[in-house]
All heavy atoms as atom14 arrays in JSON, in Angstrom:
{
  "sequence": "TQLVENNRRAEALPLYKELIKEDPHYYHYWDQYALSYQNFNQYDQA",
  "atom14_mask": [
    [1, 1, 1, 1, 1, 1, 1, 0, 0, 0, 0, 0, 0, 0],
    [1, 1, 1, 1, 1, 1, 1, 1, 1, 0, 0, 0, 0, 0],
    [1, 1, 1, 1, 1, 1, 1, 1, 0, 0, 0, 0, 0, 0],
    [1, 1, 1, 1, 1, 1, 1, 0, 0, 0, 0, 0, 0, 0],
    [1, 1, 1, 1, 1, 1, 1, 1, 1, 0, 0, 0, 0, 0],
    [1, 1, 1, 1, 1, 1, 1, 1, 0, 0, 0, 0, 0, 0],
    [1, 1, 1, 1, 1, 1, 1, 1, 0, 0, 0, 0, 0, 0],
    [1, 1, 1, 1, 1, 1, 1, 1, 1, 1, 1, 0, 0, 0],
    [1, 1, 1, 1, 1, 1, 1, 1, 1, 1, 1, 0, 0, 0],
    [1, 1, 1, 1, 1, 0, 0, 0, 0, 0, 0, 0, 0, 0],
    [1, 1, 1, 1, 1, 1, 1, 1, 1, 0, 0, 0, 0, 0],
    [1, 1, 1, 1, 1, 0, 0, 0, 0, 0, 0, 0, 0, 0],
    [1, 1, 1, 1, 1, 1, 1, 1, 0, 0, 0, 0, 0, 0],
    [1, 1, 1, 1, 1, 1, 1, 0, 0, 0, 0, 0, 0, 0],
    [1, 1, 1, 1, 1, 1, 1, 1, 0, 0, 0, 0, 0, 0],
    [1, 1, 1, 1, 1, 1, 1, 1, 1, 1, 1, 1, 0, 0],
    [1, 1, 1, 1, 1, 1, 1, 1, 1, 0, 0, 0, 0, 0],
    [1, 1, 1, 1, 1, 1, 1, 1, 1, 0, 0, 0, 0, 0],
    [1, 1, 1, 1, 1, 1, 1, 1, 0, 0, 0, 0, 0, 0],
    [1, 1, 1, 1, 1, 1, 1, 1, 0, 0, 0, 0, 0, 0],
    [1, 1, 1, 1, 1, 1, 1, 1, 1, 0, 0, 0, 0, 0],
    [1, 1, 1, 1, 1, 1, 1, 1, 1, 0, 0, 0, 0, 0],
    [1, 1, 1, 1, 1, 1, 1, 1, 0, 0, 0, 0, 0, 0],
    [1, 1, 1, 1, 1, 1, 1, 0, 0, 0, 0, 0, 0, 0],
    [1, 1, 1, 1, 1, 1, 1, 1, 1, 1, 0, 0, 0, 0],
    [1, 1, 1, 1, 1, 1, 1, 1, 1, 1, 1, 1, 0, 0],
    [1, 1, 1, 1, 1, 1, 1, 1, 1, 1, 1, 1, 0, 0],
    [1, 1, 1, 1, 1, 1, 1, 1, 1, 1, 0, 0, 0, 0],
    [1, 1, 1, 1, 1, 1, 1, 1, 1, 1, 1, 1, 0, 0],
    [1, 1, 1, 1, 1, 1, 1, 1, 1, 1, 1, 1, 1, 1],
    [1, 1, 1, 1, 1, 1, 1, 1, 0, 0, 0, 0, 0, 0],
    [1, 1, 1, 1, 1, 1, 1, 1, 1, 0, 0, 0, 0, 0],
    [1, 1, 1, 1, 1, 1, 1, 1, 1, 1, 1, 1, 0, 0],
    [1, 1, 1, 1, 1, 0, 0, 0, 0, 0, 0, 0, 0, 0],
    [1, 1, 1, 1, 1, 1, 1, 1, 0, 0, 0, 0, 0, 0],
    [1, 1, 1, 1, 1, 1, 0, 0, 0, 0, 0, 0, 0, 0],
    [1, 1, 1, 1, 1, 1, 1, 1, 1, 1, 1, 1, 0, 0],
    [1, 1, 1, 1, 1, 1, 1, 1, 1, 0, 0, 0, 0, 0],
    [1, 1, 1, 1, 1, 1, 1, 1, 0, 0, 0, 0, 0, 0],
    [1, 1, 1, 1, 1, 1, 1, 1, 1, 1, 1, 0, 0, 0],
    [1, 1, 1, 1, 1, 1, 1, 1, 0, 0, 0, 0, 0, 0],
    [1, 1, 1, 1, 1, 1, 1, 1, 1, 0, 0, 0, 0, 0],
    [1, 1, 1, 1, 1, 1, 1, 1, 1, 1, 1, 1, 0, 0],
    [1, 1, 1, 1, 1, 1, 1, 1, 0, 0, 0, 0, 0, 0],
    [1, 1, 1, 1, 1, 1, 1, 1, 1, 0, 0, 0, 0, 0],
    [1, 1, 1, 1, 1, 0, 0, 0, 0, 0, 0, 0, 0, 0]
  ],
  "atom14_positions": [
    [[22.23, -0.64, 17.3], [21.15, -1.6, 17.56], [20.51, -1.35, 18.96], [19.26, -1.39, 19.06], [21.71, -2.99, 17.48], [22.23, -3.22, 16.16], [20.55, -4.03, 17.62], [0.0, 0.0, 0.0], [0.0, 0.0, 0.0], [0.0, 0.0, 0.0], [0.0, 0.0, 0.0], [0.0, 0.0, 0.0], [0.0, 0.0, 0.0], [0.0, 0.0, 0.0]],
    [[21.37, -1.12, 19.97], [20.82, -0.81, 21.32], [19.96, 0.39, 21.32], [18.96, 0.54, 22.01], [21.96, -0.72, 22.28], [22.51, -2.03, 22.73], [21.6, -2.88, 23.49], [20.99, -2.41, 24.5], [21.38, -4.2, 23.13], [0.0, 0.0, 0.0], [0.0, 0.0, 0.0], [0.0, 0.0, 0.0], [0.0, 0.0, 0.0], [0.0, 0.0, 0.0]],
    [[20.43, 1.46, 20.6], [19.64, 2.75, 20.53], [18.37, 2.52, 19.84], [17.33, 3.05, 20.37], [20.52, 3.78, 19.75], [21.74, 4.3, 20.44], [22.57, 5.06, 19.46], [21.36, 5.2, 21.71], [0.0, 0.0, 0.0], [0.0, 0.0, 0.0], [0.0, 0.0, 0.0], [0.0, 0.0, 0.0], [0.0, 0.0, 0.0], [0.0, 0.0, 0.0]],
    [[18.29, 1.66, 18.77], [16.91, 1.42, 18.07], [16.07, 0.71, 19.06], [14.88, 1.0, 19.21], [17.22, 0.62, 16.83], [15.86, 0.11, 16.31], [17.9, 1.5, 15.78], [0.0, 0.0, 0.0], [0.0, 0.0, 0.0], [0.0, 0.0, 0.0], [0.0, 0.0, 0.0], [0.0, 0.0, 0.0], [0.0, 0.0, 0.0], [0.0, 0.0, 0.0]],
    [[16.62, -0.31, 19.81], [15.75, -1.06, 20.64], [15.24, -0.3, 21.8], [14.19, -0.69, 22.46], [16.56, -2.28, 21.21], [16.85, -3.35, 20.14], [17.67, -4.56, 20.63], [18.09, -4.49, 21.8], [17.89, -5.41, 19.79], [0.0, 0.0, 0.0], [0.0, 0.0, 0.0], [0.0, 0.0, 0.0], [0.0, 0.0, 0.0], [0.0, 0.0, 0.0]],
    [[15.84, 0.85, 22.14], [15.41, 1.64, 23.18], [14.76, 3.0, 22.68], [14.85, 3.97, 23.35], [16.59, 1.98, 24.14], [16.85, 0.76, 24.99], [16.29, 0.55, 26.03], [17.86, -0.04, 24.53], [0.0, 0.0, 0.0], [0.0, 0.0, 0.0], [0.0, 0.0, 0.0], [0.0, 0.0, 0.0], [0.0, 0.0, 0.0], [0.0, 0.0, 0.0]],
    [[14.19, 2.89, 21.48], [13.4, 3.93, 20.92], [14.19, 5.25, 20.73], [13.66, 6.33, 20.88], [12.22, 4.32, 21.78], [11.21, 3.05, 21.91], [10.9, 2.4, 20.91], [10.77, 2.7, 23.11], [0.0, 0.0, 0.0], [0.0, 0.0, 0.0], [0.0, 0.0, 0.0], [0.0, 0.0, 0.0], [0.0, 0.0, 0.0], [0.0, 0.0, 0.0]],
    [[15.44, 5.12, 20.34], [16.28, 6.25, 20.05], [16.9, 6.11, 18.64], [18.13, 6.3, 18.41], [17.43, 6.32, 21.17], [16.81, 6.8, 22.52], [17.77, 6.54, 23.54], [19.02, 7.37, 23.47], [20.02, 7.42, 24.31], [19.94, 6.63, 25.47], [21.02, 8.17, 24.14], [0.0, 0.0, 0.0], [0.0, 0.0, 0.0], [0.0, 0.0, 0.0]],
    [[16.05, 5.77, 17.64], [16.58, 5.54, 16.35], [17.21, 6.71, 15.65], [18.11, 6.62, 14.95], [15.4, 5.01, 15.47], [15.88, 4.56, 14.08], [14.87, 3.74, 13.36], [13.64, 4.59, 13.09], [12.49, 4.21, 12.67], [12.3, 2.9, 12.51], [11.49, 4.96, 12.39], [0.0, 0.0, 0.0], [0.0, 0.0, 0.0], [0.0, 0.0, 0.0]],
    [[16.73, 7.91, 15.99], [17.31, 9.05, 15.35], [18.88, 9.23, 15.7], [19.58, 9.64, 14.84], [16.59, 10.36, 15.89], [0.0, 0.0, 0.0], [0.0, 0.0, 0.0], [0.0, 0.0, 0.0], [0.0, 0.0, 0.0], [0.0, 0.0, 0.0], [0.0, 0.0, 0.0], [0.0, 0.0, 0.0], [0.0, 0.0, 0.0], [0.0, 0.0, 0.0]],
    [[19.26, 8.72, 16.82], [20.68, 8.63, 17.15], [21.41, 7.56, 16.44], [22.53, 7.59, 16.2], [20.87, 8.52, 18.68], [20.27, 9.74, 19.5], [20.34, 9.43, 20.95], [21.47, 9.28, 21.54], [19.22, 9.33, 21.64], [0.0, 0.0, 0.0], [0.0, 0.0, 0.0], [0.0, 0.0, 0.0], [0.0, 0.0, 0.0], [0.0, 0.0, 0.0]],
    [[20.6, 6.5, 16.14], [21.32, 5.37, 15.55], [21.47, 5.43, 14.05], [22.51, 4.97, 13.51], [20.41, 4.09, 15.84], [0.0, 0.0, 0.0], [0.0, 0.0, 0.0], [0.0, 0.0, 0.0], [0.0, 0.0, 0.0], [0.0, 0.0, 0.0], [0.0, 0.0, 0.0], [0.0, 0.0, 0.0], [0.0, 0.0, 0.0], [0.0, 0.0, 0.0]],
    [[20.65, 6.19, 13.39], [20.72, 6.16, 11.91], [22.02, 6.77, 11.43], [22.59, 6.22, 10.38], [19.54, 7.06, 11.39], [18.15, 6.35, 11.54], [17.07, 7.32, 10.97], [18.06, 5.08, 11.06], [0.0, 0.0, 0.0], [0.0, 0.0, 0.0], [0.0, 0.0, 0.0], [0.0, 0.0, 0.0], [0.0, 0.0, 0.0], [0.0, 0.0, 0.0]],
    [[22.6, 7.8, 11.95], [23.92, 8.3, 11.48], [24.99, 7.26, 11.68], [25.9, 7.14, 10.85], [24.22, 9.52, 12.35], [22.89, 10.0, 12.83], [22.07, 8.77, 13.03], [0.0, 0.0, 0.0], [0.0, 0.0, 0.0], [0.0, 0.0, 0.0], [0.0, 0.0, 0.0], [0.0, 0.0, 0.0], [0.0, 0.0, 0.0], [0.0, 0.0, 0.0]],
    [[24.91, 6.44, 12.67], [25.92, 5.36, 12.86], [25.8, 4.35, 11.76], [26.84, 3.88, 11.25], [25.71, 4.78, 14.17], [26.3, 5.32, 15.5], [25.92, 4.69, 16.79], [27.84, 5.34, 15.33], [0.0, 0.0, 0.0], [0.0, 0.0, 0.0], [0.0, 0.0, 0.0], [0.0, 0.0, 0.0], [0.0, 0.0, 0.0], [0.0, 0.0, 0.0]],
    [[24.52, 3.95, 11.43], [24.4, 2.89, 10.37], [25.03, 3.42, 9.07], [25.71, 2.74, 8.39], [22.91, 2.61, 10.11], [22.25, 1.76, 11.2], [21.15, 2.21, 11.88], [22.79, 0.59, 11.59], [20.49, 1.45, 12.84], [22.2, -0.23, 12.56], [21.04, 0.25, 13.16], [20.47, -0.54, 14.13], [0.0, 0.0, 0.0], [0.0, 0.0, 0.0]],
    [[24.75, 4.68, 8.73], [25.19, 5.19, 7.57], [26.72, 5.29, 7.41], [27.36, 5.14, 6.5], [24.56, 6.68, 7.23], [23.01, 6.59, 7.07], [22.42, 8.01, 6.89], [20.94, 7.92, 6.76], [20.39, 9.21, 6.75], [0.0, 0.0, 0.0], [0.0, 0.0, 0.0], [0.0, 0.0, 0.0], [0.0, 0.0, 0.0], [0.0, 0.0, 0.0]],
    [[27.29, 5.8, 8.63], [28.73, 5.89, 8.7], [29.38, 4.5, 8.51], [30.43, 4.4, 7.77], [29.04, 6.43, 10.1], [30.54, 6.48, 10.43], [30.89, 6.86, 11.84], [29.94, 7.48, 12.45], [31.93, 6.5, 12.33], [0.0, 0.0, 0.0], [0.0, 0.0, 0.0], [0.0, 0.0, 0.0], [0.0, 0.0, 0.0], [0.0, 0.0, 0.0]],
    [[28.85, 3.45, 9.13], [29.44, 2.09, 9.06], [29.36, 1.57, 7.68], [30.29, 0.98, 7.17], [28.75, 1.23, 10.03], [29.11, 1.41, 11.53], [28.06, 0.7, 12.4], [30.41, 0.99, 11.85], [0.0, 0.0, 0.0], [0.0, 0.0, 0.0], [0.0, 0.0, 0.0], [0.0, 0.0, 0.0], [0.0, 0.0, 0.0], [0.0, 0.0, 0.0]],
    [[28.21, 1.78, 7.02], [28.06, 1.23, 5.64], [28.96, 1.94, 4.66], [29.53, 1.42, 3.76], [26.65, 1.32, 5.18], [25.74, 0.26, 5.89], [26.41, 1.22, 3.7], [24.32, 0.41, 5.77], [0.0, 0.0, 0.0], [0.0, 0.0, 0.0], [0.0, 0.0, 0.0], [0.0, 0.0, 0.0], [0.0, 0.0, 0.0], [0.0, 0.0, 0.0]],
    [[29.17, 3.26, 4.91], [30.12, 4.03, 4.06], [31.47, 3.52, 4.23], [32.23, 3.44, 3.25], [30.0, 5.54, 4.35], [30.92, 6.42, 3.56], [30.77, 7.89, 3.92], [31.61, 8.78, 3.04], [31.55, 10.18, 3.48], [0.0, 0.0, 0.0], [0.0, 0.0, 0.0], [0.0, 0.0, 0.0], [0.0, 0.0, 0.0], [0.0, 0.0, 0.0]],
    [[31.91, 3.23, 5.45], [33.24, 2.7, 5.72], [33.45, 1.33, 5.29], [34.59, 0.99, 4.85], [33.61, 2.86, 7.25], [33.62, 4.28, 7.67], [33.88, 4.38, 9.24], [33.73, 3.23, 9.89], [34.09, 5.42, 9.78], [0.0, 0.0, 0.0], [0.0, 0.0, 0.0], [0.0, 0.0, 0.0], [0.0, 0.0, 0.0], [0.0, 0.0, 0.0]],
    [[32.41, 0.49, 5.36], [32.56, -0.93, 5.06], [31.34, -1.46, 4.39], [30.55, -2.19, 4.99], [32.74, -1.65, 6.47], [33.36, -3.0, 6.29], [33.54, -3.43, 5.1], [33.81, -3.59, 7.27], [0.0, 0.0, 0.0], [0.0, 0.0, 0.0], [0.0, 0.0, 0.0], [0.0, 0.0, 0.0], [0.0, 0.0, 0.0], [0.0, 0.0, 0.0]],
    [[31.17, -1.17, 3.15], [29.87, -1.52, 2.37], [29.7, -3.01, 2.09], [28.58, -3.35, 1.62], [29.95, -0.69, 1.11], [31.45, -0.58, 0.91], [32.1, -0.5, 2.27], [0.0, 0.0, 0.0], [0.0, 0.0, 0.0], [0.0, 0.0, 0.0], [0.0, 0.0, 0.0], [0.0, 0.0, 0.0], [0.0, 0.0, 0.0], [0.0, 0.0, 0.0]],
    [[30.7, -3.8, 2.4], [30.55, -5.29, 2.01], [30.13, -6.16, 3.23], [29.88, -7.32, 2.99], [31.91, -5.8, 1.51], [32.33, -5.13, 0.28], [31.58, -5.06, -0.92], [33.47, -4.58, -0.02], [32.2, -4.47, -1.84], [33.44, -4.07, -1.33], [0.0, 0.0, 0.0], [0.0, 0.0, 0.0], [0.0, 0.0, 0.0], [0.0, 0.0, 0.0]],
    [[30.02, -5.57, 4.36], [29.66, -6.34, 5.59], [28.19, -6.42, 5.69], [27.43, -5.45, 6.02], [30.31, -5.72, 6.82], [30.23, -6.58, 8.05], [30.15, -7.93, 7.88], [30.19, -6.0, 9.3], [30.15, -8.84, 9.1], [30.09, -6.79, 10.45], [30.11, -8.16, 10.34], [30.13, -9.0, 11.49], [0.0, 0.0, 0.0], [0.0, 0.0, 0.0]],
    [[27.6, -7.59, 5.48], [26.11, -7.78, 5.49], [25.46, -7.38, 6.71], [24.39, -6.81, 6.65], [25.82, -9.29, 5.1], [24.31, -9.56, 5.22], [23.38, -9.03, 4.4], [23.98, -10.39, 6.41], [22.06, -9.35, 4.55], [22.58, -10.62, 6.53], [21.6, -10.1, 5.63], [20.34, -10.41, 5.88], [0.0, 0.0, 0.0], [0.0, 0.0, 0.0]],
    [[26.17, -7.64, 7.83], [25.52, -7.39, 9.14], [25.12, -5.92, 9.26], [24.1, -5.58, 9.92], [26.49, -7.78, 10.25], [25.92, -7.69, 11.69], [24.72, -8.33, 12.01], [26.38, -7.0, 12.78], [24.54, -8.08, 13.29], [25.51, -7.3, 13.78], [0.0, 0.0, 0.0], [0.0, 0.0, 0.0], [0.0, 0.0, 0.0], [0.0, 0.0, 0.0]],
    [[25.93, -5.06, 8.66], [25.61, -3.53, 8.79], [24.31, -3.31, 8.0], [23.4, -2.62, 8.54], [26.76, -2.66, 8.21], [28.06, -2.72, 9.0], [29.18, -2.22, 8.41], [28.1, -3.26, 10.25], [30.37, -2.28, 9.11], [29.31, -3.25, 10.96], [30.46, -2.82, 10.41], [31.62, -2.83, 11.08], [0.0, 0.0, 0.0], [0.0, 0.0, 0.0]],
    [[24.22, -3.81, 6.81], [23.01, -3.55, 6.02], [21.8, -4.16, 6.77], [20.72, -3.67, 6.73], [23.19, -4.26, 4.56], [24.21, -3.56, 3.76], [25.47, -3.9, 3.41], [23.91, -2.31, 3.05], [26.07, -2.98, 2.63], [25.15, -2.04, 2.3], [22.88, -1.47, 2.9], [25.33, -0.92, 1.54], [22.93, -0.34, 2.07], [24.2, -0.02, 1.39]],
    [[21.96, -5.44, 7.24], [20.85, -6.08, 7.79], [20.29, -5.38, 9.05], [19.13, -5.25, 9.11], [21.35, -7.47, 8.26], [20.22, -8.39, 8.77], [19.21, -8.48, 8.07], [20.42, -9.03, 9.8], [0.0, 0.0, 0.0], [0.0, 0.0, 0.0], [0.0, 0.0, 0.0], [0.0, 0.0, 0.0], [0.0, 0.0, 0.0], [0.0, 0.0, 0.0]],
    [[21.17, -4.97, 9.95], [20.67, -4.21, 11.1], [20.11, -2.9, 10.74], [19.12, -2.48, 11.37], [21.91, -3.99, 12.07], [22.48, -5.29, 12.73], [21.32, -5.97, 13.51], [20.7, -5.39, 14.41], [21.09, -7.23, 13.18], [0.0, 0.0, 0.0], [0.0, 0.0, 0.0], [0.0, 0.0, 0.0], [0.0, 0.0, 0.0], [0.0, 0.0, 0.0]],
    [[20.62, -2.27, 9.72], [20.15, -0.94, 9.24], [18.74, -1.18, 8.72], [17.7, -0.38, 9.11], [21.06, -0.42, 8.17], [20.65, 1.0, 7.63], [19.87, 1.86, 8.44], [21.19, 1.48, 6.47], [19.65, 3.19, 7.98], [20.9, 2.76, 6.03], [20.17, 3.63, 6.79], [19.9, 4.79, 6.3], [0.0, 0.0, 0.0], [0.0, 0.0, 0.0]],
    [[18.49, -2.2, 7.89], [17.15, -2.5, 7.37], [16.19, -2.87, 8.55], [15.03, -2.5, 8.47], [17.28, -3.52, 6.32], [0.0, 0.0, 0.0], [0.0, 0.0, 0.0], [0.0, 0.0, 0.0], [0.0, 0.0, 0.0], [0.0, 0.0, 0.0], [0.0, 0.0, 0.0], [0.0, 0.0, 0.0], [0.0, 0.0, 0.0], [0.0, 0.0, 0.0]],
    [[16.66, -3.72, 9.47], [15.84, -4.19, 10.53], [15.33, -3.05, 11.45], [14.41, -3.18, 12.06], [16.55, -5.26, 11.35], [16.71, -6.65, 10.7], [17.57, -7.48, 11.55], [15.38, -7.25, 10.33], [0.0, 0.0, 0.0], [0.0, 0.0, 0.0], [0.0, 0.0, 0.0], [0.0, 0.0, 0.0], [0.0, 0.0, 0.0], [0.0, 0.0, 0.0]],
    [[16.12, -1.93, 11.45], [15.79, -0.77, 12.27], [14.43, -0.22, 11.82], [13.69, 0.51, 12.63], [16.86, 0.22, 12.38], [16.96, 0.91, 11.18], [0.0, 0.0, 0.0], [0.0, 0.0, 0.0], [0.0, 0.0, 0.0], [0.0, 0.0, 0.0], [0.0, 0.0, 0.0], [0.0, 0.0, 0.0], [0.0, 0.0, 0.0], [0.0, 0.0, 0.0]],
    [[14.1, -0.48, 10.59], [12.78, 0.0, 9.98], [11.81, -1.31, 9.93], [10.61, -1.16, 10.25], [12.9, 0.53, 8.62], [13.57, 1.91, 8.64], [14.97, 2.04, 8.44], [12.87, 3.05, 8.91], [15.54, 3.29, 8.39], [13.41, 4.29, 8.88], [14.8, 4.43, 8.61], [15.29, 5.7, 8.71], [0.0, 0.0, 0.0], [0.0, 0.0, 0.0]],
    [[12.33, -2.43, 9.44], [11.55, -3.57, 9.21], [10.84, -4.05, 10.49], [9.68, -4.46, 10.49], [12.52, -4.69, 8.66], [11.71, -5.96, 8.3], [12.67, -6.96, 7.49], [13.61, -6.45, 6.8], [12.42, -8.24, 7.69], [0.0, 0.0, 0.0], [0.0, 0.0, 0.0], [0.0, 0.0, 0.0], [0.0, 0.0, 0.0], [0.0, 0.0, 0.0]],
    [[11.61, -4.07, 11.59], [10.99, -4.59, 12.84], [9.88, -3.64, 13.39], [9.15, -4.09, 14.27], [12.11, -4.69, 13.91], [13.0, -5.79, 13.63], [12.65, -6.76, 12.81], [14.14, -5.92, 14.24], [0.0, 0.0, 0.0], [0.0, 0.0, 0.0], [0.0, 0.0, 0.0], [0.0, 0.0, 0.0], [0.0, 0.0, 0.0], [0.0, 0.0, 0.0]],
    [[9.79, -2.46, 12.82], [8.76, -1.54, 13.21], [7.68, -1.34, 12.09], [6.96, -0.3, 12.04], [9.32, -0.17, 13.63], [10.16, -0.19, 14.83], [11.55, -0.53, 14.79], [9.58, -0.08, 16.11], [12.29, -0.6, 15.9], [10.35, -0.16, 17.21], [11.71, -0.44, 17.21], [0.0, 0.0, 0.0], [0.0, 0.0, 0.0], [0.0, 0.0, 0.0]],
    [[7.79, -2.33, 11.15], [6.69, -2.33, 10.06], [6.78, -1.18, 9.13], [5.89, -0.92, 8.44], [5.33, -2.47, 10.57], [5.08, -3.75, 11.45], [5.72, -4.82, 11.14], [4.23, -3.65, 12.49], [0.0, 0.0, 0.0], [0.0, 0.0, 0.0], [0.0, 0.0, 0.0], [0.0, 0.0, 0.0], [0.0, 0.0, 0.0], [0.0, 0.0, 0.0]],
    [[8.07, -0.63, 9.01], [8.24, 0.51, 8.06], [8.91, -0.03, 6.87], [10.08, 0.06, 6.68], [9.06, 1.62, 8.71], [8.26, 2.27, 9.84], [9.07, 3.38, 10.54], [10.24, 3.33, 10.61], [8.41, 4.38, 11.06], [0.0, 0.0, 0.0], [0.0, 0.0, 0.0], [0.0, 0.0, 0.0], [0.0, 0.0, 0.0], [0.0, 0.0, 0.0]],
    [[8.12, -0.83, 6.07], [8.59, -1.67, 5.05], [9.23, -0.92, 3.86], [10.24, -1.39, 3.31], [7.6, -2.67, 4.62], [7.1, -3.58, 5.66], [5.75, -3.84, 5.96], [8.07, -4.28, 6.44], [5.4, -4.77, 6.92], [7.69, -5.2, 7.45], [6.37, -5.44, 7.63], [5.87, -6.3, 8.64], [0.0, 0.0, 0.0], [0.0, 0.0, 0.0]],
    [[8.65, 0.21, 3.5], [9.2, 0.93, 2.39], [10.61, 1.37, 2.55], [11.44, 1.22, 1.58], [8.26, 2.1, 2.03], [6.86, 1.63, 1.48], [6.77, 0.52, 1.1], [5.91, 2.49, 1.53], [0.0, 0.0, 0.0], [0.0, 0.0, 0.0], [0.0, 0.0, 0.0], [0.0, 0.0, 0.0], [0.0, 0.0, 0.0], [0.0, 0.0, 0.0]],
    [[10.84, 1.93, 3.69], [12.22, 2.31, 3.99], [13.19, 1.15, 4.08], [14.27, 1.2, 3.58], [12.27, 3.16, 5.29], [13.58, 3.85, 5.55], [14.0, 4.85, 4.49], [13.11, 5.51, 3.94], [15.25, 4.91, 4.09], [0.0, 0.0, 0.0], [0.0, 0.0, 0.0], [0.0, 0.0, 0.0], [0.0, 0.0, 0.0], [0.0, 0.0, 0.0]],
    [[12.74, 0.07, 4.67], [13.54, -1.16, 4.84], [13.87, -1.65, 3.49], [14.99, -2.17, 3.2], [12.79, -2.16, 5.64], [0.0, 0.0, 0.0], [0.0, 0.0, 0.0], [0.0, 0.0, 0.0], [0.0, 0.0, 0.0], [0.0, 0.0, 0.0], [0.0, 0.0, 0.0], [0.0, 0.0, 0.0], [0.0, 0.0, 0.0], [0.0, 0.0, 0.0]]
  ]
}
């Protein structure tokens, strides 16, 4: 989340994918992953 907020999303995306793969039931992971696109108006990917 900190990486996304500081315009370093390319570094953050592998972390989101890794976390969701390890723990797919935790809503917070999905939410933050989606928000990394949604907050920048990239709605299709979100």
